[in-house]
C-alpha cells in the first residue's frame, strides 16, 4: 500500500494539460493505479486524477463502492479507471452543487456542472468505456477530468460568495469535505 503525496493548489504541475496514455496493461500502469486507489481511500476521496500526484498522464480514478463518510448522501458510483477520457454534455442543463478537492484542502465552493454527460475512454487494459451518467456520478467525472486540462474547481465558480472554508460553511461536518 503506497500513499502518494497530493499536490496542492499553487503547484504549477496542476495547471498543465496531461499527456495521453499510449500504453495499457503494463506493470507500471497497474502500480500507479493501485497507488492512486490507496491514496484516494486513505483520504476518503471520491476520485483522484494522476496530475494530482504529479503524474503527467490522462488518467483518473473514481468511485464509491460503499457509503463515503465525506459524502454520506451521495449515491454509489462504480469504481472506475478511465484513461484518455472524452466528455460530451448531453444537453445544456446544468446543476450547481458544493464541491471540494484534495488539492484545495479545507475549502468548498458551488460549481455548475452539466447535468447529464456521456464519457468515453479506456480502462487500464485498453478496453473501451462508454457510459451515459447524471447527477453525482456526472459531477465526479467532470471534476476529475478537469484536472487533466489544468483546471481546478475554483476556476469554475461563478459566485465567489459561495466559496469558503469547510469549517465555516459546514460547522457540524465531522470530516473534511474535500474531493
N, C-alpha and C. Protein backbone atom coordinates (compact mmCIF):
# COMPACT_ATOMS: atom_id res chain seq x y z
N UNK A 1 0.85 -1.18 0.00
CA UNK A 1 0.00 0.00 0.00
C UNK A 1 0.89 1.24 0.00
N UNK A 2 0.77 2.05 -1.05
CA UNK A 2 1.56 3.27 -1.15
C UNK A 2 0.63 4.46 -1.25
N UNK A 3 0.78 5.36 -0.30
CA UNK A 3 0.01 6.60 -0.31
C UNK A 3 0.91 7.67 -0.93
N UNK A 4 0.44 8.28 -2.00
CA UNK A 4 1.21 9.30 -2.68
C UNK A 4 0.87 10.69 -2.12
N UNK A 5 1.82 11.61 -2.22
CA UNK A 5 1.57 12.99 -1.83
C UNK A 5 0.63 13.63 -2.86
N UNK A 6 -0.36 14.34 -2.36
CA UNK A 6 -1.31 15.04 -3.23
C UNK A 6 -0.85 16.50 -3.35
N UNK A 7 -0.65 16.93 -4.59
CA UNK A 7 -0.23 18.31 -4.83
C UNK A 7 -1.33 19.28 -4.44
N UNK A 8 -0.93 20.46 -3.98
CA UNK A 8 -1.88 21.48 -3.55
C UNK A 8 -1.94 22.62 -4.57
N UNK A 9 -3.08 23.29 -4.60
CA UNK A 9 -3.27 24.44 -5.46
C UNK A 9 -2.11 25.41 -5.28
N UNK A 10 -1.59 25.90 -6.38
CA UNK A 10 -0.39 26.74 -6.37
C UNK A 10 0.79 26.01 -7.00
N UNK A 11 0.75 24.68 -6.98
CA UNK A 11 1.79 23.89 -7.64
C UNK A 11 1.54 23.94 -9.14
N UNK A 12 2.50 24.43 -9.89
CA UNK A 12 2.32 24.63 -11.33
C UNK A 12 2.01 23.34 -12.08
N UNK A 13 2.37 22.18 -11.51
CA UNK A 13 2.08 20.91 -12.19
C UNK A 13 0.59 20.65 -12.32
N UNK A 14 -0.20 21.28 -11.43
CA UNK A 14 -1.66 21.10 -11.50
C UNK A 14 -2.28 21.90 -12.65
N UNK A 15 -1.52 22.79 -13.25
CA UNK A 15 -2.05 23.65 -14.31
C UNK A 15 -1.69 23.16 -15.71
N UNK A 16 -0.97 22.04 -15.80
CA UNK A 16 -0.57 21.52 -17.11
C UNK A 16 -1.71 20.71 -17.74
N UNK A 17 -1.65 20.61 -19.06
CA UNK A 17 -2.53 19.70 -19.77
C UNK A 17 -1.82 18.34 -19.81
N UNK A 18 -2.48 17.31 -19.30
CA UNK A 18 -1.86 15.99 -19.18
C UNK A 18 -1.70 15.32 -20.56
N UNK A 19 -0.71 14.46 -20.63
CA UNK A 19 -0.40 13.73 -21.86
C UNK A 19 -1.28 12.48 -21.99
N UNK A 20 -1.69 12.14 -23.20
CA UNK A 20 -2.50 10.93 -23.39
C UNK A 20 -1.70 9.68 -23.06
N UNK A 21 -2.42 8.69 -22.57
CA UNK A 21 -1.81 7.38 -22.33
C UNK A 21 -1.59 6.70 -23.68
N UNK A 22 -0.43 6.09 -23.83
CA UNK A 22 -0.12 5.37 -25.06
C UNK A 22 0.12 3.89 -24.82
N UNK A 23 0.26 3.50 -23.57
CA UNK A 23 0.49 2.08 -23.22
C UNK A 23 -0.53 1.66 -22.16
N UNK A 24 -1.07 0.49 -22.36
CA UNK A 24 -2.06 -0.06 -21.43
C UNK A 24 -1.58 -1.41 -20.93
N UNK A 25 -2.16 -1.85 -19.81
CA UNK A 25 -1.89 -3.17 -19.25
C UNK A 25 -0.40 -3.41 -19.00
N UNK A 26 0.27 -2.39 -18.47
CA UNK A 26 1.68 -2.53 -18.11
C UNK A 26 1.81 -2.61 -16.59
N UNK A 27 2.91 -3.18 -16.14
CA UNK A 27 3.14 -3.25 -14.69
C UNK A 27 3.18 -1.85 -14.08
N UNK A 28 3.83 -0.92 -14.76
CA UNK A 28 3.94 0.44 -14.23
C UNK A 28 2.57 1.10 -14.11
N UNK A 29 1.70 0.90 -15.10
CA UNK A 29 0.36 1.48 -15.04
C UNK A 29 -0.46 0.85 -13.92
N UNK A 30 -0.40 -0.47 -13.79
CA UNK A 30 -1.15 -1.14 -12.72
C UNK A 30 -0.68 -0.68 -11.33
N UNK A 31 0.63 -0.48 -11.17
CA UNK A 31 1.17 0.01 -9.89
C UNK A 31 0.68 1.43 -9.62
N UNK A 32 0.71 2.28 -10.63
CA UNK A 32 0.23 3.65 -10.47
C UNK A 32 -1.24 3.66 -10.06
N UNK A 33 -2.05 2.87 -10.72
CA UNK A 33 -3.48 2.81 -10.41
C UNK A 33 -3.70 2.30 -8.99
N UNK A 34 -2.96 1.30 -8.59
CA UNK A 34 -3.06 0.77 -7.22
C UNK A 34 -2.71 1.86 -6.20
N UNK A 35 -1.62 2.58 -6.46
CA UNK A 35 -1.22 3.68 -5.57
C UNK A 35 -2.31 4.76 -5.52
N UNK A 36 -2.92 5.05 -6.66
CA UNK A 36 -3.95 6.07 -6.69
C UNK A 36 -5.16 5.65 -5.87
N UNK A 37 -5.59 4.39 -5.99
CA UNK A 37 -6.72 3.93 -5.19
C UNK A 37 -6.37 3.92 -3.70
N UNK A 38 -5.15 3.51 -3.36
CA UNK A 38 -4.71 3.55 -1.95
C UNK A 38 -4.75 4.98 -1.43
N UNK A 39 -4.26 5.91 -2.22
CA UNK A 39 -4.23 7.32 -1.82
C UNK A 39 -5.65 7.85 -1.67
N UNK A 40 -6.51 7.58 -2.63
CA UNK A 40 -7.89 8.05 -2.58
C UNK A 40 -8.62 7.50 -1.36
N UNK A 41 -8.46 6.20 -1.09
CA UNK A 41 -9.11 5.58 0.06
C UNK A 41 -8.61 6.16 1.38
N UNK A 42 -7.32 6.44 1.45
CA UNK A 42 -6.73 6.94 2.70
C UNK A 42 -7.31 8.29 3.12
N UNK A 43 -7.83 9.05 2.16
CA UNK A 43 -8.38 10.37 2.48
C UNK A 43 -9.88 10.43 2.21
N UNK A 44 -10.52 9.28 2.04
CA UNK A 44 -11.96 9.19 1.77
C UNK A 44 -12.38 10.03 0.57
N UNK A 45 -11.57 9.99 -0.48
CA UNK A 45 -11.90 10.73 -1.69
C UNK A 45 -12.91 10.01 -2.54
N UNK A 46 -13.55 10.76 -3.42
CA UNK A 46 -14.49 10.20 -4.39
C UNK A 46 -13.82 9.98 -5.73
N UNK A 47 -12.64 10.60 -5.91
CA UNK A 47 -11.91 10.47 -7.16
C UNK A 47 -10.52 11.06 -7.02
N UNK A 48 -9.67 10.76 -7.99
CA UNK A 48 -8.31 11.29 -7.99
C UNK A 48 -7.80 11.25 -9.43
N UNK A 49 -7.11 12.30 -9.82
CA UNK A 49 -6.51 12.38 -11.15
C UNK A 49 -5.00 12.26 -11.03
N UNK A 50 -4.38 11.62 -12.00
CA UNK A 50 -2.93 11.43 -11.97
C UNK A 50 -2.16 12.74 -11.77
N UNK A 51 -2.55 13.85 -12.40
CA UNK A 51 -1.81 15.10 -12.16
C UNK A 51 -1.80 15.53 -10.70
N UNK A 52 -2.79 15.12 -9.92
CA UNK A 52 -2.83 15.50 -8.51
C UNK A 52 -1.70 14.86 -7.71
N UNK A 53 -1.12 13.80 -8.25
CA UNK A 53 0.04 13.20 -7.57
C UNK A 53 1.31 13.39 -8.40
N UNK A 54 1.25 14.37 -9.29
CA UNK A 54 2.43 14.75 -10.05
C UNK A 54 2.73 13.91 -11.27
N UNK A 55 1.78 13.10 -11.70
CA UNK A 55 1.98 12.24 -12.87
C UNK A 55 1.26 12.86 -14.07
N UNK A 56 2.00 13.17 -15.10
CA UNK A 56 1.50 13.88 -16.28
C UNK A 56 0.88 12.89 -17.26
N UNK A 57 -0.31 12.38 -16.91
CA UNK A 57 -0.96 11.34 -17.69
C UNK A 57 -2.47 11.53 -17.62
N UNK A 58 -3.15 11.33 -18.75
CA UNK A 58 -4.61 11.43 -18.79
C UNK A 58 -5.21 10.17 -18.16
N UNK A 59 -5.23 10.17 -16.85
CA UNK A 59 -5.74 9.06 -16.05
C UNK A 59 -6.48 9.61 -14.86
N UNK A 60 -7.72 9.16 -14.70
CA UNK A 60 -8.49 9.47 -13.50
C UNK A 60 -9.06 8.17 -12.95
N UNK A 61 -9.23 8.16 -11.65
CA UNK A 61 -9.94 7.06 -11.00
C UNK A 61 -11.05 7.70 -10.19
N UNK A 62 -12.12 6.97 -9.99
CA UNK A 62 -13.21 7.47 -9.15
C UNK A 62 -14.08 6.30 -8.78
N UNK A 63 -14.94 6.53 -7.82
CA UNK A 63 -15.89 5.50 -7.44
C UNK A 63 -16.03 5.38 -5.94
N UNK A 64 -17.22 5.01 -5.56
CA UNK A 64 -17.53 4.77 -4.15
C UNK A 64 -18.26 3.44 -4.09
N UNK A 65 -17.59 2.42 -3.59
CA UNK A 65 -18.22 1.10 -3.51
C UNK A 65 -18.90 0.88 -2.17
N UNK A 66 -18.86 1.91 -1.33
CA UNK A 66 -19.58 1.90 -0.06
C UNK A 66 -19.89 3.35 0.29
N UNK A 67 -20.71 3.56 1.30
CA UNK A 67 -21.05 4.92 1.69
C UNK A 67 -19.77 5.64 2.12
N UNK A 68 -19.52 6.77 1.52
CA UNK A 68 -18.33 7.56 1.83
C UNK A 68 -18.68 8.52 2.97
N UNK A 69 -17.90 8.51 4.06
CA UNK A 69 -18.24 9.38 5.19
C UNK A 69 -18.22 10.87 4.84
N UNK A 70 -17.52 11.23 3.80
CA UNK A 70 -17.49 12.63 3.38
C UNK A 70 -18.65 12.98 2.47
N UNK A 71 -19.30 11.96 1.91
CA UNK A 71 -20.45 12.16 1.03
C UNK A 71 -21.55 11.16 1.41
N UNK A 72 -22.06 11.24 2.63
CA UNK A 72 -22.97 10.21 3.12
C UNK A 72 -24.29 10.13 2.35
N UNK A 73 -24.70 11.21 1.71
CA UNK A 73 -25.97 11.21 0.99
C UNK A 73 -25.80 10.95 -0.51
N UNK A 74 -24.57 10.82 -0.96
CA UNK A 74 -24.33 10.63 -2.39
C UNK A 74 -24.60 9.18 -2.80
N UNK A 75 -25.15 9.00 -3.99
CA UNK A 75 -25.34 7.63 -4.48
C UNK A 75 -23.99 6.99 -4.78
N UNK A 76 -23.97 5.67 -4.76
CA UNK A 76 -22.74 4.95 -5.09
C UNK A 76 -22.39 5.14 -6.56
N UNK A 77 -21.10 5.24 -6.83
CA UNK A 77 -20.58 5.39 -8.18
C UNK A 77 -19.65 4.21 -8.42
N UNK A 78 -19.79 3.52 -9.56
CA UNK A 78 -18.93 2.36 -9.78
C UNK A 78 -17.45 2.73 -9.81
N UNK A 79 -16.66 1.88 -9.17
CA UNK A 79 -15.20 2.07 -9.17
C UNK A 79 -14.72 1.99 -10.61
N UNK A 80 -14.04 3.05 -11.04
CA UNK A 80 -13.68 3.17 -12.46
C UNK A 80 -12.25 3.67 -12.62
N UNK A 81 -11.56 3.10 -13.58
CA UNK A 81 -10.27 3.58 -14.06
C UNK A 81 -10.54 4.08 -15.47
N UNK A 82 -10.18 5.34 -15.73
CA UNK A 82 -10.50 5.95 -17.02
C UNK A 82 -9.28 6.67 -17.58
N UNK A 83 -8.82 6.20 -18.72
CA UNK A 83 -7.68 6.80 -19.42
C UNK A 83 -8.15 7.47 -20.69
N UNK A 84 -7.51 8.59 -21.02
CA UNK A 84 -7.81 9.35 -22.23
C UNK A 84 -9.31 9.66 -22.36
N UNK A 85 -9.90 10.22 -21.31
CA UNK A 85 -11.34 10.45 -21.33
C UNK A 85 -11.76 11.57 -22.28
N UNK A 86 -12.97 11.40 -22.79
CA UNK A 86 -13.65 12.44 -23.56
C UNK A 86 -15.04 12.59 -22.95
N UNK A 87 -15.40 13.82 -22.61
CA UNK A 87 -16.72 14.10 -22.02
C UNK A 87 -17.55 14.84 -23.04
N UNK A 88 -18.79 14.37 -23.23
CA UNK A 88 -19.74 15.03 -24.12
C UNK A 88 -20.98 15.39 -23.31
N UNK A 89 -21.28 16.68 -23.15
CA UNK A 89 -22.51 17.06 -22.45
C UNK A 89 -23.73 16.59 -23.26
N UNK A 90 -24.76 16.13 -22.56
CA UNK A 90 -25.99 15.69 -23.21
C UNK A 90 -27.08 16.72 -22.91
N UNK A 91 -26.91 17.87 -23.50
CA UNK A 91 -27.85 18.97 -23.31
C UNK A 91 -27.19 20.10 -22.54
N UNK A 92 -27.83 21.26 -22.56
CA UNK A 92 -27.25 22.43 -21.92
C UNK A 92 -27.54 22.54 -20.42
N UNK A 93 -28.39 21.67 -19.89
CA UNK A 93 -28.80 21.78 -18.49
C UNK A 93 -27.61 21.58 -17.57
N UNK A 94 -27.57 22.45 -16.55
CA UNK A 94 -26.52 22.38 -15.53
C UNK A 94 -27.15 22.25 -14.16
N UNK A 95 -26.37 21.70 -13.25
CA UNK A 95 -26.72 21.65 -11.84
C UNK A 95 -25.57 22.26 -11.07
N UNK A 96 -25.89 23.09 -10.09
CA UNK A 96 -24.85 23.66 -9.23
C UNK A 96 -24.90 22.97 -7.89
N UNK A 97 -23.73 22.62 -7.37
CA UNK A 97 -23.65 21.96 -6.07
C UNK A 97 -22.27 22.22 -5.48
N UNK A 98 -22.16 21.91 -4.20
CA UNK A 98 -20.90 22.10 -3.48
C UNK A 98 -19.87 21.08 -3.93
N UNK A 99 -18.64 21.54 -4.11
CA UNK A 99 -17.51 20.67 -4.41
C UNK A 99 -16.34 21.07 -3.53
N UNK A 100 -15.47 20.12 -3.34
CA UNK A 100 -14.19 20.34 -2.69
C UNK A 100 -13.16 19.59 -3.51
N UNK A 101 -11.92 19.63 -3.07
CA UNK A 101 -10.87 18.96 -3.83
C UNK A 101 -9.70 18.67 -2.91
N UNK A 102 -9.12 17.50 -3.07
CA UNK A 102 -7.96 17.13 -2.27
C UNK A 102 -6.79 18.07 -2.52
N UNK A 103 -6.76 18.71 -3.68
CA UNK A 103 -5.69 19.66 -4.00
C UNK A 103 -6.01 21.08 -3.53
N UNK A 104 -7.22 21.26 -3.00
CA UNK A 104 -7.65 22.56 -2.47
C UNK A 104 -8.24 22.28 -1.08
N UNK A 105 -7.42 21.80 -0.15
CA UNK A 105 -7.95 21.31 1.13
C UNK A 105 -8.58 22.41 1.98
N UNK A 106 -9.66 22.00 2.66
CA UNK A 106 -10.31 22.88 3.62
C UNK A 106 -11.27 23.88 3.03
N UNK A 107 -11.45 23.87 1.72
CA UNK A 107 -12.34 24.82 1.07
C UNK A 107 -13.44 24.09 0.31
N UNK A 108 -14.55 24.78 0.11
CA UNK A 108 -15.68 24.28 -0.67
C UNK A 108 -16.25 25.42 -1.49
N UNK A 109 -16.84 25.08 -2.63
CA UNK A 109 -17.50 26.09 -3.45
C UNK A 109 -18.61 25.48 -4.27
N UNK A 110 -19.57 26.31 -4.65
CA UNK A 110 -20.67 25.86 -5.51
C UNK A 110 -20.21 25.97 -6.96
N UNK A 111 -20.27 24.83 -7.64
CA UNK A 111 -19.76 24.72 -9.01
C UNK A 111 -20.86 24.23 -9.93
N UNK A 112 -21.06 24.92 -11.05
CA UNK A 112 -22.01 24.41 -12.04
C UNK A 112 -21.36 23.30 -12.88
N UNK A 113 -22.12 22.26 -13.12
CA UNK A 113 -21.65 21.15 -13.98
C UNK A 113 -22.81 20.72 -14.87
N UNK A 114 -22.49 20.13 -16.01
CA UNK A 114 -23.54 19.59 -16.86
C UNK A 114 -24.27 18.49 -16.10
N UNK A 115 -25.60 18.47 -16.24
CA UNK A 115 -26.44 17.51 -15.52
C UNK A 115 -26.25 16.09 -16.03
N UNK A 116 -26.16 15.95 -17.35
CA UNK A 116 -26.02 14.63 -17.98
C UNK A 116 -24.86 14.68 -18.96
N UNK A 117 -24.03 13.64 -18.90
CA UNK A 117 -22.89 13.56 -19.81
C UNK A 117 -22.73 12.14 -20.32
N UNK A 118 -22.01 12.05 -21.40
CA UNK A 118 -21.50 10.76 -21.89
C UNK A 118 -19.99 10.86 -21.76
N UNK A 119 -19.39 9.83 -21.19
CA UNK A 119 -17.93 9.82 -21.18
C UNK A 119 -17.43 8.53 -21.80
N UNK A 120 -16.34 8.71 -22.55
CA UNK A 120 -15.70 7.59 -23.20
C UNK A 120 -14.21 7.62 -22.87
N UNK A 121 -13.56 6.53 -23.08
CA UNK A 121 -12.14 6.40 -22.82
C UNK A 121 -11.80 4.92 -22.76
N UNK A 122 -10.76 4.63 -21.99
CA UNK A 122 -10.28 3.25 -21.91
C UNK A 122 -9.98 2.89 -20.47
N UNK A 123 -10.13 1.59 -20.15
CA UNK A 123 -9.71 1.13 -18.84
C UNK A 123 -8.22 0.78 -18.88
N UNK A 124 -7.69 0.28 -17.79
CA UNK A 124 -6.25 0.02 -17.71
C UNK A 124 -5.77 -1.07 -18.67
N UNK A 125 -6.69 -1.85 -19.20
CA UNK A 125 -6.32 -2.92 -20.13
C UNK A 125 -6.43 -2.47 -21.59
N UNK A 126 -6.91 -1.25 -21.79
CA UNK A 126 -7.12 -0.74 -23.14
C UNK A 126 -8.50 -1.03 -23.69
N UNK A 127 -9.38 -1.58 -22.85
CA UNK A 127 -10.75 -1.85 -23.28
C UNK A 127 -11.57 -0.56 -23.23
N UNK A 128 -12.43 -0.34 -24.23
CA UNK A 128 -13.19 0.90 -24.28
C UNK A 128 -14.25 1.00 -23.17
N UNK A 129 -14.46 2.22 -22.71
CA UNK A 129 -15.52 2.55 -21.76
C UNK A 129 -16.40 3.58 -22.44
N UNK A 130 -17.71 3.38 -22.32
CA UNK A 130 -18.68 4.32 -22.90
C UNK A 130 -19.90 4.32 -21.99
N UNK A 131 -20.07 5.41 -21.23
CA UNK A 131 -21.16 5.48 -20.26
C UNK A 131 -21.90 6.81 -20.39
N UNK A 132 -23.18 6.74 -20.13
CA UNK A 132 -24.03 7.93 -20.02
C UNK A 132 -24.47 8.01 -18.57
N UNK A 133 -24.20 9.17 -17.92
CA UNK A 133 -24.46 9.29 -16.49
C UNK A 133 -25.05 10.67 -16.17
N UNK A 134 -25.52 10.79 -14.96
CA UNK A 134 -26.08 12.06 -14.50
C UNK A 134 -25.83 12.21 -13.00
N UNK A 135 -26.21 13.35 -12.48
CA UNK A 135 -26.14 13.60 -11.05
C UNK A 135 -24.72 13.56 -10.51
N UNK A 136 -24.57 12.97 -9.33
CA UNK A 136 -23.28 12.93 -8.63
C UNK A 136 -22.21 12.24 -9.47
N UNK A 137 -22.57 11.17 -10.14
CA UNK A 137 -21.62 10.44 -11.00
C UNK A 137 -21.07 11.39 -12.06
N UNK A 138 -21.95 12.13 -12.73
CA UNK A 138 -21.51 13.08 -13.76
C UNK A 138 -20.63 14.18 -13.17
N UNK A 139 -20.97 14.64 -11.99
CA UNK A 139 -20.18 15.69 -11.32
C UNK A 139 -18.77 15.20 -11.02
N UNK A 140 -18.66 14.01 -10.48
CA UNK A 140 -17.34 13.46 -10.12
C UNK A 140 -16.47 13.32 -11.38
N UNK A 141 -17.04 12.79 -12.44
CA UNK A 141 -16.27 12.59 -13.67
C UNK A 141 -15.78 13.94 -14.21
N UNK A 142 -16.68 14.92 -14.26
CA UNK A 142 -16.29 16.24 -14.78
C UNK A 142 -15.21 16.88 -13.91
N UNK A 143 -15.36 16.75 -12.58
CA UNK A 143 -14.37 17.32 -11.66
C UNK A 143 -13.00 16.70 -11.89
N UNK A 144 -12.95 15.37 -11.94
CA UNK A 144 -11.67 14.70 -12.10
C UNK A 144 -11.05 14.97 -13.47
N UNK A 145 -11.86 14.96 -14.51
CA UNK A 145 -11.32 15.20 -15.86
C UNK A 145 -10.84 16.64 -16.02
N UNK A 146 -11.40 17.57 -15.25
CA UNK A 146 -10.88 18.94 -15.27
C UNK A 146 -9.39 18.97 -14.91
N UNK A 147 -8.98 18.10 -14.01
CA UNK A 147 -7.56 18.06 -13.62
C UNK A 147 -6.65 17.75 -14.81
N UNK A 148 -7.19 17.07 -15.80
CA UNK A 148 -6.38 16.68 -16.96
C UNK A 148 -6.15 17.84 -17.93
N UNK A 149 -6.91 18.91 -17.74
CA UNK A 149 -6.73 20.10 -18.58
C UNK A 149 -6.24 21.30 -17.75
N UNK A 150 -5.71 21.01 -16.58
CA UNK A 150 -5.15 22.06 -15.75
C UNK A 150 -6.18 22.96 -15.09
N UNK A 151 -7.37 22.43 -14.84
CA UNK A 151 -8.47 23.22 -14.29
C UNK A 151 -8.79 22.70 -12.88
N UNK A 152 -8.81 23.63 -11.93
CA UNK A 152 -9.24 23.31 -10.56
C UNK A 152 -10.62 23.92 -10.35
N UNK A 153 -11.43 23.28 -9.50
CA UNK A 153 -12.82 23.70 -9.38
C UNK A 153 -13.02 25.18 -9.05
N UNK A 154 -12.13 25.85 -8.26
CA UNK A 154 -12.38 27.27 -8.02
C UNK A 154 -12.41 28.11 -9.30
N UNK A 155 -11.77 27.62 -10.36
CA UNK A 155 -11.77 28.34 -11.63
C UNK A 155 -13.14 28.31 -12.30
N UNK A 156 -14.00 27.41 -11.86
CA UNK A 156 -15.35 27.27 -12.44
C UNK A 156 -16.42 27.94 -11.58
N UNK A 157 -16.08 28.40 -10.40
CA UNK A 157 -17.07 29.03 -9.52
C UNK A 157 -17.52 30.35 -10.14
N UNK A 158 -18.83 30.54 -10.20
CA UNK A 158 -19.39 31.77 -10.77
C UNK A 158 -19.72 32.81 -9.71
N UNK A 159 -19.96 32.37 -8.49
CA UNK A 159 -20.34 33.28 -7.41
C UNK A 159 -19.39 33.03 -6.24
N UNK A 160 -18.38 33.88 -6.08
CA UNK A 160 -17.40 33.69 -5.01
C UNK A 160 -18.00 33.87 -3.63
N UNK A 161 -19.24 34.34 -3.55
CA UNK A 161 -19.94 34.38 -2.28
C UNK A 161 -20.30 32.98 -1.80
N UNK A 162 -20.19 32.01 -2.69
CA UNK A 162 -20.46 30.60 -2.35
C UNK A 162 -19.18 29.80 -2.43
N UNK A 163 -18.14 30.35 -1.81
CA UNK A 163 -16.82 29.72 -1.77
C UNK A 163 -16.21 30.09 -0.44
N UNK A 164 -15.77 29.06 0.31
CA UNK A 164 -15.19 29.37 1.61
C UNK A 164 -14.66 28.14 2.30
N UNK A 165 -14.27 28.35 3.55
CA UNK A 165 -13.71 27.27 4.35
C UNK A 165 -14.80 26.31 4.81
N UNK A 166 -14.52 25.04 4.67
CA UNK A 166 -15.46 24.00 5.03
C UNK A 166 -15.92 24.14 6.47
N UNK A 167 -14.99 24.41 7.39
CA UNK A 167 -15.34 24.51 8.81
C UNK A 167 -16.28 25.67 9.10
N UNK A 168 -16.28 26.69 8.26
CA UNK A 168 -17.18 27.83 8.44
C UNK A 168 -18.52 27.56 7.75
N UNK A 169 -18.46 27.03 6.53
CA UNK A 169 -19.67 26.75 5.77
C UNK A 169 -20.49 25.61 6.34
N UNK A 170 -19.80 24.59 6.85
CA UNK A 170 -20.46 23.37 7.35
C UNK A 170 -19.93 23.04 8.74
N UNK A 171 -20.26 23.85 9.75
CA UNK A 171 -19.65 23.68 11.07
C UNK A 171 -19.94 22.34 11.74
N UNK A 172 -21.01 21.66 11.37
CA UNK A 172 -21.33 20.39 12.01
C UNK A 172 -20.73 19.19 11.32
N UNK A 173 -20.05 19.41 10.22
CA UNK A 173 -19.48 18.29 9.45
C UNK A 173 -18.32 17.69 10.23
N UNK A 174 -18.37 16.37 10.43
CA UNK A 174 -17.35 15.68 11.22
C UNK A 174 -16.06 15.44 10.46
N UNK A 175 -16.14 15.34 9.14
CA UNK A 175 -14.96 15.01 8.36
C UNK A 175 -14.71 16.11 7.34
N UNK A 176 -13.47 16.25 6.87
CA UNK A 176 -13.20 17.24 5.84
C UNK A 176 -14.02 16.95 4.60
N UNK A 177 -14.49 17.97 3.93
CA UNK A 177 -15.31 17.80 2.74
C UNK A 177 -14.54 18.22 1.50
N UNK A 178 -13.46 17.53 1.24
CA UNK A 178 -12.64 17.80 0.05
C UNK A 178 -12.71 16.59 -0.84
N UNK A 179 -12.80 16.79 -2.14
CA UNK A 179 -12.88 15.65 -3.07
C UNK A 179 -11.59 14.89 -3.08
